[in-house]
Amino acid sequence: MFLQKRLPKLTDFTSERVLRLVAILVGAFSAVVYLWVALSRISYPFDLEWIEGGMTEIVHRILSGQNIYTAPGVNFTPFLYPPLYFYLSALAAKFTGFSFFPLRLVSFAASCVSGAAIFAIVRREAQDEFPAFIAASLFFGMFHVTGAWLDLARVDSLFLAFLLLAFYFARATRPSSAAFAGIFAALAFLTKQTALIACLPLASI
């Protein structure tokens, strides 16, 4: 009688453990696949998306000492993005040489920061590492579905990383956290102007 009463709970417990293990394995697989795809094409010498050529041209102008915000012309028309991503990519190019690689390296590193920020945000809010891991692995697992842009030579990954860091510090309780939230929000804006809208909820936190 006692075993009959306890058996369903034991089964539920076992099923939960199995489901958790499956979720962890699938999540880890998603993250590994993203890392493999990103690292396998980070040094690809041609455009992976139409915008990459224009992005590399802006970095080349920085390395050549030219202005990146000029009147549009036949030879060069600037993108309407703030300068932070381009200058960080130019700094990376000082060490790696000029190619698509330094721009993609900045984006890839930023995507890893985004995954870590998502993990940290969810772990703090849920007080549990399991949903934090699932949230971070879901971020990487949606790489293809959302357009496969996380590792490309474009401003979006860096913008997202700064934005997530701003939200992370906005929810922290340390006295200095508000200052860090403001700094990262400003860096997000200096990467992409839409941060001005995305950061509006920070005012209510």
N, C-alpha and C. Protein backbone atom coordinates (compact mmCIF):
# COMPACT_ATOMS: atom_id res chain seq x y z
N MET A 1 0.83 -1.20 0.00
CA MET A 1 0.00 0.00 0.00
C MET A 1 0.87 1.26 0.00
N PHE A 2 1.89 1.20 0.84
CA PHE A 2 2.80 2.34 0.93
C PHE A 2 3.52 2.56 -0.40
N LEU A 3 3.97 1.46 -1.04
CA LEU A 3 4.68 1.57 -2.31
C LEU A 3 3.76 2.08 -3.41
N GLN A 4 2.49 1.69 -3.39
CA GLN A 4 1.56 2.14 -4.40
C GLN A 4 1.33 3.65 -4.31
N LYS A 5 1.35 4.18 -3.10
CA LYS A 5 1.17 5.62 -2.93
C LYS A 5 2.41 6.40 -3.35
N ARG A 6 3.57 5.79 -3.14
CA ARG A 6 4.81 6.49 -3.43
C ARG A 6 5.26 6.35 -4.88
N LEU A 7 4.79 5.32 -5.58
CA LEU A 7 5.27 5.03 -6.92
C LEU A 7 5.03 6.17 -7.91
N PRO A 8 3.87 6.81 -7.97
CA PRO A 8 3.68 7.91 -8.93
C PRO A 8 4.65 9.06 -8.70
N LYS A 9 4.91 9.41 -7.45
CA LYS A 9 5.84 10.48 -7.16
C LYS A 9 7.25 10.11 -7.60
N LEU A 10 7.62 8.87 -7.38
CA LEU A 10 8.94 8.41 -7.81
C LEU A 10 9.05 8.45 -9.32
N THR A 11 7.98 8.07 -10.01
CA THR A 11 7.97 8.10 -11.47
C THR A 11 8.08 9.53 -11.98
N ASP A 12 7.31 10.42 -11.34
CA ASP A 12 7.38 11.83 -11.75
C ASP A 12 8.78 12.38 -11.55
N PHE A 13 9.39 12.02 -10.44
CA PHE A 13 10.75 12.51 -10.15
C PHE A 13 11.73 12.00 -11.19
N THR A 14 11.60 10.72 -11.54
CA THR A 14 12.50 10.14 -12.54
C THR A 14 12.27 10.79 -13.91
N SER A 15 11.01 11.00 -14.25
CA SER A 15 10.70 11.63 -15.54
C SER A 15 11.25 13.05 -15.61
N GLU A 16 11.16 13.77 -14.50
CA GLU A 16 11.68 15.14 -14.48
C GLU A 16 13.19 15.15 -14.68
N ARG A 17 13.87 14.21 -14.04
CA ARG A 17 15.32 14.13 -14.19
C ARG A 17 15.71 13.79 -15.62
N VAL A 18 14.95 12.88 -16.24
CA VAL A 18 15.24 12.50 -17.62
C VAL A 18 15.01 13.69 -18.55
N LEU A 19 13.91 14.40 -18.36
CA LEU A 19 13.61 15.55 -19.20
C LEU A 19 14.66 16.65 -19.02
N ARG A 20 15.09 16.85 -17.79
CA ARG A 20 16.14 17.84 -17.54
C ARG A 20 17.43 17.46 -18.26
N LEU A 21 17.77 16.18 -18.18
CA LEU A 21 18.99 15.71 -18.84
C LEU A 21 18.89 15.88 -20.35
N VAL A 22 17.74 15.54 -20.91
CA VAL A 22 17.54 15.71 -22.36
C VAL A 22 17.65 17.19 -22.74
N ALA A 23 17.03 18.06 -21.95
CA ALA A 23 17.10 19.49 -22.23
C ALA A 23 18.52 20.01 -22.16
N ILE A 24 19.28 19.54 -21.20
CA ILE A 24 20.68 19.95 -21.06
C ILE A 24 21.50 19.49 -22.25
N LEU A 25 21.30 18.25 -22.67
CA LEU A 25 22.06 17.72 -23.81
C LEU A 25 21.71 18.46 -25.10
N VAL A 26 20.41 18.71 -25.30
CA VAL A 26 19.99 19.44 -26.51
C VAL A 26 20.53 20.86 -26.47
N GLY A 27 20.46 21.49 -25.30
CA GLY A 27 20.98 22.84 -25.17
C GLY A 27 22.47 22.92 -25.42
N ALA A 28 23.20 21.98 -24.85
CA ALA A 28 24.65 21.96 -25.06
C ALA A 28 24.98 21.70 -26.53
N PHE A 29 24.21 20.83 -27.16
CA PHE A 29 24.42 20.57 -28.58
C PHE A 29 24.20 21.82 -29.42
N SER A 30 23.15 22.58 -29.09
CA SER A 30 22.86 23.81 -29.82
C SER A 30 24.01 24.80 -29.70
N ALA A 31 24.54 24.95 -28.49
CA ALA A 31 25.65 25.88 -28.28
C ALA A 31 26.89 25.43 -29.03
N VAL A 32 27.17 24.14 -29.00
CA VAL A 32 28.36 23.61 -29.68
C VAL A 32 28.23 23.78 -31.19
N VAL A 33 27.03 23.55 -31.72
CA VAL A 33 26.82 23.72 -33.17
C VAL A 33 27.05 25.17 -33.56
N TYR A 34 26.54 26.10 -32.76
CA TYR A 34 26.76 27.51 -33.08
C TYR A 34 28.25 27.84 -33.07
N LEU A 35 28.95 27.39 -32.04
CA LEU A 35 30.39 27.66 -31.96
C LEU A 35 31.12 27.07 -33.16
N TRP A 36 30.73 25.88 -33.56
CA TRP A 36 31.39 25.23 -34.70
C TRP A 36 31.12 26.00 -35.99
N VAL A 37 29.87 26.40 -36.21
CA VAL A 37 29.53 27.14 -37.43
C VAL A 37 30.25 28.48 -37.45
N ALA A 38 30.20 29.20 -36.33
CA ALA A 38 30.80 30.53 -36.29
C ALA A 38 32.31 30.47 -36.50
N LEU A 39 32.97 29.54 -35.83
CA LEU A 39 34.43 29.46 -35.94
C LEU A 39 34.86 28.91 -37.29
N SER A 40 34.02 28.10 -37.92
CA SER A 40 34.40 27.53 -39.21
C SER A 40 34.29 28.54 -40.35
N ARG A 41 33.52 29.60 -40.14
CA ARG A 41 33.37 30.57 -41.22
C ARG A 41 33.87 31.97 -40.86
N ILE A 42 34.51 32.09 -39.70
CA ILE A 42 34.94 33.41 -39.25
C ILE A 42 36.03 34.01 -40.15
N SER A 43 36.82 33.16 -40.77
CA SER A 43 37.88 33.65 -41.65
C SER A 43 37.56 33.47 -43.13
N TYR A 44 36.30 33.18 -43.45
CA TYR A 44 35.89 33.03 -44.84
C TYR A 44 36.18 34.34 -45.59
N PRO A 45 36.89 34.30 -46.70
CA PRO A 45 37.41 35.53 -47.31
C PRO A 45 36.41 36.32 -48.17
N PHE A 46 35.15 35.88 -48.21
CA PHE A 46 34.16 36.59 -49.02
C PHE A 46 32.94 36.93 -48.18
N ASP A 47 32.07 37.75 -48.75
CA ASP A 47 30.86 38.18 -48.04
C ASP A 47 29.99 36.98 -47.67
N LEU A 48 29.52 36.95 -46.44
CA LEU A 48 28.51 36.00 -46.03
C LEU A 48 27.12 36.63 -46.06
N GLU A 49 27.08 37.94 -46.14
CA GLU A 49 25.84 38.70 -46.26
C GLU A 49 26.17 39.99 -47.00
N TRP A 50 25.18 40.57 -47.62
CA TRP A 50 25.43 41.72 -48.49
C TRP A 50 26.06 42.91 -47.76
N ILE A 51 25.76 43.07 -46.47
CA ILE A 51 26.22 44.26 -45.76
C ILE A 51 27.68 44.18 -45.34
N GLU A 52 28.25 42.97 -45.34
CA GLU A 52 29.60 42.82 -44.82
C GLU A 52 30.63 43.61 -45.62
N GLY A 53 30.47 43.66 -46.92
CA GLY A 53 31.43 44.41 -47.73
C GLY A 53 31.47 45.88 -47.37
N GLY A 54 30.29 46.47 -47.18
CA GLY A 54 30.23 47.87 -46.78
C GLY A 54 30.82 48.11 -45.41
N MET A 55 30.60 47.17 -44.49
CA MET A 55 31.16 47.29 -43.14
C MET A 55 32.69 47.26 -43.16
N THR A 56 33.23 46.35 -43.95
CA THR A 56 34.69 46.26 -44.02
C THR A 56 35.28 47.50 -44.69
N GLU A 57 34.56 48.09 -45.62
CA GLU A 57 35.06 49.30 -46.27
C GLU A 57 35.17 50.45 -45.26
N ILE A 58 34.20 50.54 -44.35
CA ILE A 58 34.26 51.59 -43.33
C ILE A 58 35.47 51.38 -42.42
N VAL A 59 35.72 50.13 -42.03
CA VAL A 59 36.89 49.84 -41.19
C VAL A 59 38.18 50.16 -41.94
N HIS A 60 38.20 49.86 -43.20
CA HIS A 60 39.38 50.18 -44.02
C HIS A 60 39.62 51.68 -44.06
N ARG A 61 38.57 52.47 -44.12
CA ARG A 61 38.71 53.92 -44.12
C ARG A 61 39.29 54.41 -42.78
N ILE A 62 38.86 53.80 -41.69
CA ILE A 62 39.41 54.18 -40.39
C ILE A 62 40.91 53.87 -40.34
N LEU A 63 41.26 52.68 -40.81
CA LEU A 63 42.68 52.29 -40.80
C LEU A 63 43.50 53.18 -41.73
N SER A 64 42.87 53.74 -42.73
CA SER A 64 43.56 54.62 -43.69
C SER A 64 43.54 56.08 -43.26
N GLY A 65 42.90 56.36 -42.12
CA GLY A 65 42.84 57.72 -41.63
C GLY A 65 41.81 58.58 -42.33
N GLN A 66 40.83 57.98 -42.96
CA GLN A 66 39.80 58.73 -43.68
C GLN A 66 38.55 58.90 -42.83
N ASN A 67 37.76 59.87 -43.17
CA ASN A 67 36.50 60.14 -42.48
C ASN A 67 35.46 59.08 -42.88
N ILE A 68 34.71 58.59 -41.91
CA ILE A 68 33.70 57.57 -42.22
C ILE A 68 32.30 58.18 -42.35
N TYR A 69 32.17 59.46 -42.07
CA TYR A 69 30.89 60.14 -42.24
C TYR A 69 31.09 61.29 -43.21
N THR A 70 30.77 61.03 -44.46
CA THR A 70 30.94 62.02 -45.52
C THR A 70 29.65 62.12 -46.32
N ALA A 71 29.60 63.10 -47.19
CA ALA A 71 28.45 63.21 -48.09
C ALA A 71 28.43 61.98 -49.01
N PRO A 72 27.28 61.41 -49.28
CA PRO A 72 27.20 60.24 -50.16
C PRO A 72 27.70 60.56 -51.55
N GLY A 73 28.43 59.62 -52.13
CA GLY A 73 28.96 59.81 -53.46
C GLY A 73 29.04 58.51 -54.22
N VAL A 74 29.60 58.54 -55.39
CA VAL A 74 29.71 57.35 -56.22
C VAL A 74 30.67 56.34 -55.60
N ASN A 75 31.76 56.83 -55.03
CA ASN A 75 32.79 55.94 -54.50
C ASN A 75 32.50 55.44 -53.09
N PHE A 76 31.79 56.23 -52.29
CA PHE A 76 31.53 55.80 -50.92
C PHE A 76 30.28 56.49 -50.38
N THR A 77 29.41 55.67 -49.79
CA THR A 77 28.23 56.19 -49.09
C THR A 77 28.20 55.54 -47.72
N PRO A 78 28.30 56.31 -46.66
CA PRO A 78 28.38 55.71 -45.31
C PRO A 78 27.06 55.11 -44.86
N PHE A 79 27.16 54.11 -43.99
CA PHE A 79 25.98 53.60 -43.31
C PHE A 79 25.61 54.57 -42.19
N LEU A 80 24.34 54.61 -41.86
CA LEU A 80 23.87 55.52 -40.81
C LEU A 80 23.92 54.85 -39.44
N TYR A 81 25.07 54.31 -39.10
CA TYR A 81 25.28 53.70 -37.79
C TYR A 81 26.29 54.51 -37.00
N PRO A 82 26.17 54.52 -35.67
CA PRO A 82 27.19 55.15 -34.85
C PRO A 82 28.54 54.44 -35.01
N PRO A 83 29.63 55.02 -34.51
CA PRO A 83 30.96 54.54 -34.89
C PRO A 83 31.57 53.43 -34.04
N LEU A 84 30.98 53.06 -32.90
CA LEU A 84 31.70 52.21 -31.95
C LEU A 84 32.11 50.87 -32.54
N TYR A 85 31.19 50.19 -33.22
CA TYR A 85 31.52 48.87 -33.79
C TYR A 85 32.67 48.97 -34.78
N PHE A 86 32.68 50.01 -35.57
CA PHE A 86 33.72 50.15 -36.60
C PHE A 86 35.09 50.42 -35.97
N TYR A 87 35.12 51.21 -34.93
CA TYR A 87 36.40 51.50 -34.29
C TYR A 87 36.93 50.31 -33.50
N LEU A 88 36.04 49.55 -32.87
CA LEU A 88 36.48 48.32 -32.20
C LEU A 88 37.01 47.31 -33.22
N SER A 89 36.35 47.21 -34.36
CA SER A 89 36.81 46.30 -35.41
C SER A 89 38.14 46.77 -35.99
N ALA A 90 38.29 48.08 -36.13
CA ALA A 90 39.57 48.61 -36.61
C ALA A 90 40.69 48.33 -35.62
N LEU A 91 40.38 48.43 -34.33
CA LEU A 91 41.37 48.09 -33.30
C LEU A 91 41.77 46.63 -33.40
N ALA A 92 40.78 45.75 -33.59
CA ALA A 92 41.09 44.33 -33.74
C ALA A 92 41.92 44.08 -34.99
N ALA A 93 41.63 44.84 -36.05
CA ALA A 93 42.38 44.68 -37.31
C ALA A 93 43.83 45.09 -37.17
N LYS A 94 44.13 45.95 -36.20
CA LYS A 94 45.52 46.32 -35.94
C LYS A 94 46.36 45.10 -35.56
N PHE A 95 45.72 44.12 -34.94
CA PHE A 95 46.42 42.93 -34.46
C PHE A 95 46.27 41.74 -35.42
N THR A 96 45.15 41.67 -36.12
CA THR A 96 44.89 40.50 -36.96
C THR A 96 45.15 40.76 -38.44
N GLY A 97 45.26 42.04 -38.82
CA GLY A 97 45.33 42.38 -40.23
C GLY A 97 43.94 42.65 -40.76
N PHE A 98 43.87 43.41 -41.85
CA PHE A 98 42.58 43.81 -42.38
C PHE A 98 41.98 42.69 -43.23
N SER A 99 40.75 42.34 -42.90
CA SER A 99 39.97 41.35 -43.65
C SER A 99 38.58 41.32 -43.03
N PHE A 100 37.78 40.36 -43.40
CA PHE A 100 36.50 40.17 -42.72
C PHE A 100 36.69 39.67 -41.30
N PHE A 101 37.82 39.03 -41.04
CA PHE A 101 38.03 38.33 -39.77
C PHE A 101 37.87 39.22 -38.55
N PRO A 102 38.53 40.40 -38.45
CA PRO A 102 38.40 41.18 -37.21
C PRO A 102 36.98 41.65 -36.95
N LEU A 103 36.23 41.98 -38.00
CA LEU A 103 34.85 42.40 -37.79
C LEU A 103 33.99 41.24 -37.29
N ARG A 104 34.19 40.07 -37.87
CA ARG A 104 33.43 38.90 -37.41
C ARG A 104 33.89 38.48 -36.02
N LEU A 105 35.16 38.69 -35.72
CA LEU A 105 35.66 38.35 -34.39
C LEU A 105 34.96 39.18 -33.33
N VAL A 106 34.81 40.46 -33.58
CA VAL A 106 34.09 41.33 -32.63
C VAL A 106 32.66 40.85 -32.45
N SER A 107 31.99 40.51 -33.54
CA SER A 107 30.60 40.04 -33.46
C SER A 107 30.52 38.69 -32.74
N PHE A 108 31.44 37.80 -33.04
CA PHE A 108 31.42 36.48 -32.38
C PHE A 108 31.64 36.62 -30.88
N ALA A 109 32.64 37.43 -30.49
CA ALA A 109 32.89 37.65 -29.07
C ALA A 109 31.68 38.27 -28.39
N ALA A 110 31.03 39.21 -29.08
CA ALA A 110 29.85 39.86 -28.53
C ALA A 110 28.71 38.86 -28.36
N SER A 111 28.56 37.93 -29.29
CA SER A 111 27.49 36.92 -29.18
C SER A 111 27.73 36.02 -27.97
N CYS A 112 28.98 35.71 -27.69
CA CYS A 112 29.31 34.91 -26.50
C CYS A 112 28.99 35.69 -25.22
N VAL A 113 29.28 36.98 -25.23
CA VAL A 113 28.93 37.84 -24.10
C VAL A 113 27.42 37.87 -23.91
N SER A 114 26.66 37.93 -25.00
CA SER A 114 25.21 37.93 -24.92
C SER A 114 24.70 36.64 -24.27
N GLY A 115 25.26 35.51 -24.69
CA GLY A 115 24.85 34.24 -24.09
C GLY A 115 25.15 34.21 -22.60
N ALA A 116 26.32 34.71 -22.21
CA ALA A 116 26.68 34.74 -20.79
C ALA A 116 25.77 35.70 -20.02
N ALA A 117 25.43 36.83 -20.64
CA ALA A 117 24.54 37.80 -19.97
C ALA A 117 23.14 37.21 -19.78
N ILE A 118 22.64 36.51 -20.78
CA ILE A 118 21.33 35.86 -20.65
C ILE A 118 21.35 34.84 -19.52
N PHE A 119 22.41 34.06 -19.46
CA PHE A 119 22.55 33.07 -18.38
C PHE A 119 22.53 33.77 -17.02
N ALA A 120 23.31 34.85 -16.89
CA ALA A 120 23.40 35.56 -15.61
C ALA A 120 22.08 36.21 -15.22
N ILE A 121 21.38 36.78 -16.19
CA ILE A 121 20.09 37.43 -15.90
C ILE A 121 19.07 36.41 -15.41
N VAL A 122 18.94 35.30 -16.14
CA VAL A 122 17.93 34.30 -15.78
C VAL A 122 18.30 33.61 -14.47
N ARG A 123 19.57 33.32 -14.26
CA ARG A 123 19.98 32.67 -13.01
C ARG A 123 19.64 33.54 -11.81
N ARG A 124 19.86 34.85 -11.92
CA ARG A 124 19.55 35.74 -10.81
C ARG A 124 18.05 35.85 -10.58
N GLU A 125 17.28 35.95 -11.67
CA GLU A 125 15.83 36.13 -11.53
C GLU A 125 15.15 34.84 -11.05
N ALA A 126 15.62 33.69 -11.56
CA ALA A 126 14.98 32.42 -11.22
C ALA A 126 15.64 31.73 -10.03
N GLN A 127 16.81 32.20 -9.63
CA GLN A 127 17.56 31.56 -8.55
C GLN A 127 17.81 30.08 -8.85
N ASP A 128 18.07 29.81 -10.12
CA ASP A 128 18.26 28.42 -10.54
C ASP A 128 19.12 28.42 -11.81
N GLU A 129 20.14 27.57 -11.86
CA GLU A 129 21.02 27.53 -13.01
C GLU A 129 20.43 26.77 -14.19
N PHE A 130 19.48 25.87 -13.93
CA PHE A 130 18.92 25.09 -15.04
C PHE A 130 18.16 25.95 -16.05
N PRO A 131 17.18 26.76 -15.62
CA PRO A 131 16.52 27.63 -16.62
C PRO A 131 17.48 28.64 -17.23
N ALA A 132 18.50 29.04 -16.48
CA ALA A 132 19.49 29.96 -17.03
C ALA A 132 20.25 29.31 -18.19
N PHE A 133 20.63 28.06 -18.01
CA PHE A 133 21.33 27.33 -19.07
C PHE A 133 20.42 27.13 -20.28
N ILE A 134 19.15 26.80 -20.04
CA ILE A 134 18.21 26.59 -21.14
C ILE A 134 18.01 27.89 -21.91
N ALA A 135 17.90 29.01 -21.20
CA ALA A 135 17.70 30.30 -21.87
C ALA A 135 18.89 30.65 -22.74
N ALA A 136 20.10 30.45 -22.22
CA ALA A 136 21.30 30.76 -22.99
C ALA A 136 21.45 29.83 -24.19
N SER A 137 21.18 28.55 -23.99
CA SER A 137 21.31 27.61 -25.10
C SER A 137 20.22 27.84 -26.15
N LEU A 138 19.04 28.30 -25.71
CA LEU A 138 17.98 28.64 -26.67
C LEU A 138 18.41 29.82 -27.54
N PHE A 139 19.11 30.77 -26.94
CA PHE A 139 19.63 31.91 -27.69
C PHE A 139 20.54 31.43 -28.82
N PHE A 140 21.45 30.52 -28.53
CA PHE A 140 22.33 29.98 -29.57
C PHE A 140 21.60 29.04 -30.50
N GLY A 141 20.63 28.30 -29.95
CA GLY A 141 19.89 27.35 -30.78
C GLY A 141 19.01 28.02 -31.83
N MET A 142 18.64 29.28 -31.60
CA MET A 142 17.80 30.02 -32.56
C MET A 142 18.65 30.74 -33.60
N PHE A 143 19.93 30.45 -33.65
CA PHE A 143 20.86 31.13 -34.56
C PHE A 143 20.36 31.10 -36.01
N HIS A 144 20.03 29.93 -36.51
CA HIS A 144 19.61 29.81 -37.90
C HIS A 144 18.22 30.39 -38.11
N VAL A 145 17.31 30.12 -37.19
CA VAL A 145 15.92 30.55 -37.34
C VAL A 145 15.81 32.07 -37.40
N THR A 146 16.66 32.76 -36.65
CA THR A 146 16.60 34.23 -36.58
C THR A 146 17.44 34.92 -37.64
N GLY A 147 18.04 34.17 -38.55
CA GLY A 147 18.75 34.80 -39.66
C GLY A 147 20.24 34.57 -39.71
N ALA A 148 20.78 33.83 -38.75
CA ALA A 148 22.20 33.45 -38.76
C ALA A 148 23.13 34.67 -38.85
N TRP A 149 22.85 35.69 -38.03
CA TRP A 149 23.63 36.93 -38.13
C TRP A 149 24.55 37.17 -36.95
N LEU A 150 24.50 36.33 -35.93
CA LEU A 150 25.24 36.61 -34.70
C LEU A 150 26.75 36.80 -34.92
N ASP A 151 27.31 36.10 -35.88
CA ASP A 151 28.76 36.13 -36.08
C ASP A 151 29.17 36.94 -37.30
N LEU A 152 28.23 37.67 -37.90
CA LEU A 152 28.53 38.38 -39.13
C LEU A 152 29.16 39.74 -38.86
N ALA A 153 29.78 40.31 -39.90
CA ALA A 153 30.40 41.63 -39.80
C ALA A 153 29.32 42.70 -39.91
N ARG A 154 28.60 42.89 -38.81
CA ARG A 154 27.55 43.90 -38.73
C ARG A 154 27.41 44.32 -37.27
N VAL A 155 26.71 45.38 -37.00
CA VAL A 155 26.73 46.00 -35.68
C VAL A 155 25.85 45.28 -34.66
N ASP A 156 24.97 44.41 -35.08
CA ASP A 156 23.88 43.94 -34.23
C ASP A 156 24.31 43.13 -33.02
N SER A 157 25.28 42.25 -33.18
CA SER A 157 25.70 41.43 -32.04
C SER A 157 26.31 42.26 -30.93
N LEU A 158 27.13 43.24 -31.30
CA LEU A 158 27.73 44.11 -30.29
C LEU A 158 26.65 44.95 -29.61
N PHE A 159 25.72 45.46 -30.38
CA PHE A 159 24.58 46.20 -29.82
C PHE A 159 23.81 45.36 -28.82
N LEU A 160 23.52 44.11 -29.18
CA LEU A 160 22.75 43.23 -28.30
C LEU A 160 23.52 42.92 -27.02
N ALA A 161 24.82 42.70 -27.12
CA ALA A 161 25.63 42.40 -25.94
C ALA A 161 25.60 43.57 -24.95
N PHE A 162 25.80 44.78 -25.44
CA PHE A 162 25.76 45.96 -24.56
C PHE A 162 24.38 46.15 -23.95
N LEU A 163 23.35 45.90 -24.74
CA LEU A 163 21.98 46.06 -24.26
C LEU A 163 21.67 45.08 -23.14
N LEU A 164 22.06 43.83 -23.31
CA LEU A 164 21.82 42.83 -22.28
C LEU A 164 22.61 43.12 -21.01
N LEU A 165 23.83 43.62 -21.16
CA LEU A 165 24.61 43.99 -19.98
C LEU A 165 23.96 45.16 -19.26
N ALA A 166 23.39 46.09 -20.02
CA ALA A 166 22.69 47.21 -19.39
C ALA A 166 21.51 46.71 -18.56
N PHE A 167 20.74 45.77 -19.08
CA PHE A 167 19.61 45.22 -18.34
C PHE A 167 20.08 44.40 -17.14
N TYR A 168 21.19 43.71 -17.29
CA TYR A 168 21.72 42.94 -16.16
C TYR A 168 22.06 43.86 -14.99
N PHE A 169 22.78 44.92 -15.26
CA PHE A 169 23.17 45.82 -14.17
C PHE A 169 22.00 46.66 -13.67
N ALA A 170 21.02 46.90 -14.52
CA ALA A 170 19.86 47.67 -14.08
C ALA A 170 19.07 46.94 -13.00
N ARG A 171 19.12 45.61 -13.00
CA ARG A 171 18.41 44.82 -12.01
C ARG A 171 19.27 44.47 -10.80
N ALA A 172 20.53 44.85 -10.82
CA ALA A 172 21.41 44.56 -9.69
C ALA A 172 21.15 45.54 -8.55
N THR A 173 21.62 45.19 -7.36
CA THR A 173 21.32 45.98 -6.17
C THR A 173 22.50 46.80 -5.66
N ARG A 174 23.66 46.62 -6.23
CA ARG A 174 24.82 47.38 -5.76
C ARG A 174 24.66 48.85 -6.13
N PRO A 175 25.23 49.75 -5.31
CA PRO A 175 25.11 51.19 -5.61
C PRO A 175 25.71 51.58 -6.96
N SER A 176 26.77 50.88 -7.35
CA SER A 176 27.43 51.22 -8.62
C SER A 176 26.73 50.62 -9.84
N SER A 177 25.74 49.75 -9.62
CA SER A 177 25.11 49.04 -10.73
C SER A 177 24.39 49.99 -11.68
N ALA A 178 23.75 51.02 -11.13
CA ALA A 178 23.02 51.97 -11.99
C ALA A 178 23.98 52.68 -12.93
N ALA A 179 25.18 52.99 -12.43
CA ALA A 179 26.18 53.65 -13.28
C ALA A 179 26.60 52.73 -14.41
N PHE A 180 26.84 51.44 -14.10
CA PHE A 180 27.23 50.48 -15.13
C PHE A 180 26.10 50.28 -16.14
N ALA A 181 24.86 50.27 -15.66
CA ALA A 181 23.72 50.14 -16.57
C ALA A 181 23.68 51.31 -17.54
N GLY A 182 23.93 52.50 -17.04
CA GLY A 182 23.96 53.67 -17.90
C GLY A 182 25.10 53.64 -18.90
N ILE A 183 26.25 53.17 -18.45
CA ILE A 183 27.42 53.08 -19.34
C ILE A 183 27.14 52.12 -20.49
N PHE A 184 26.63 50.94 -20.16
CA PHE A 184 26.38 49.96 -21.21
C PHE A 184 25.23 50.37 -22.12
N ALA A 185 24.25 51.08 -21.57
CA ALA A 185 23.18 51.61 -22.42
C ALA A 185 23.74 52.63 -23.41
N ALA A 186 24.66 53.47 -22.93
CA ALA A 186 25.29 54.45 -23.82
C ALA A 186 26.12 53.76 -24.88
N LEU A 187 26.85 52.71 -24.49
CA LEU A 187 27.65 51.96 -25.47
C LEU A 187 26.76 51.29 -26.51
N ALA A 188 25.61 50.79 -26.06
CA ALA A 188 24.65 50.20 -27.01
C ALA A 188 24.18 51.24 -28.00
N PHE A 189 23.90 52.45 -27.51
CA PHE A 189 23.46 53.53 -28.40
C PHE A 189 24.56 53.94 -29.37
N LEU A 190 25.81 53.93 -28.91
CA LEU A 190 26.93 54.26 -29.78
C LEU A 190 27.23 53.17 -30.79
N THR A 191 26.55 52.03 -30.64
CA THR A 191 26.69 50.94 -31.60
C THR A 191 25.52 50.93 -32.58
N LYS A 192 24.33 51.18 -32.07
CA LYS A 192 23.14 51.20 -32.93
C LYS A 192 22.08 52.10 -32.29
N GLN A 193 21.50 52.99 -33.08
CA GLN A 193 20.62 54.01 -32.53
C GLN A 193 19.35 53.46 -31.90
N THR A 194 18.92 52.28 -32.30
CA THR A 194 17.68 51.72 -31.76
C THR A 194 17.79 51.41 -30.27
N ALA A 195 18.99 51.48 -29.72
CA ALA A 195 19.15 51.30 -28.28
C ALA A 195 18.38 52.36 -27.50
N LEU A 196 18.17 53.52 -28.11
CA LEU A 196 17.44 54.58 -27.44
C LEU A 196 16.03 54.13 -27.11
N ILE A 197 15.43 53.36 -27.99
CA ILE A 197 14.08 52.83 -27.74
C ILE A 197 14.15 51.60 -26.85
N ALA A 198 15.11 50.72 -27.15
CA ALA A 198 15.21 49.46 -26.39
C ALA A 198 15.53 49.70 -24.92
N CYS A 199 16.21 50.80 -24.62
CA CYS A 199 16.62 51.08 -23.24
C CYS A 199 15.56 51.84 -22.45
N LEU A 200 14.47 52.24 -23.08
CA LEU A 200 13.41 52.96 -22.37
C LEU A 200 12.88 52.20 -21.15
N PRO A 201 12.70 50.86 -21.23
CA PRO A 201 12.22 50.14 -20.04
C PRO A 201 13.17 50.23 -18.85
N LEU A 202 14.43 50.57 -19.08
CA LEU A 202 15.37 50.69 -17.96
C LEU A 202 14.94 51.77 -16.98
N ALA A 203 14.24 52.76 -17.48
CA ALA A 203 13.81 53.85 -16.61
C ALA A 203 12.82 53.41 -15.56
N SER A 204 12.12 52.30 -15.81
CA SER A 204 11.12 51.82 -14.87
C SER A 204 11.63 50.72 -13.95
N ILE A 205 12.88 50.31 -14.13
CA ILE A 205 13.43 49.23 -13.30
C ILE A 205 13.95 49.79 -11.99
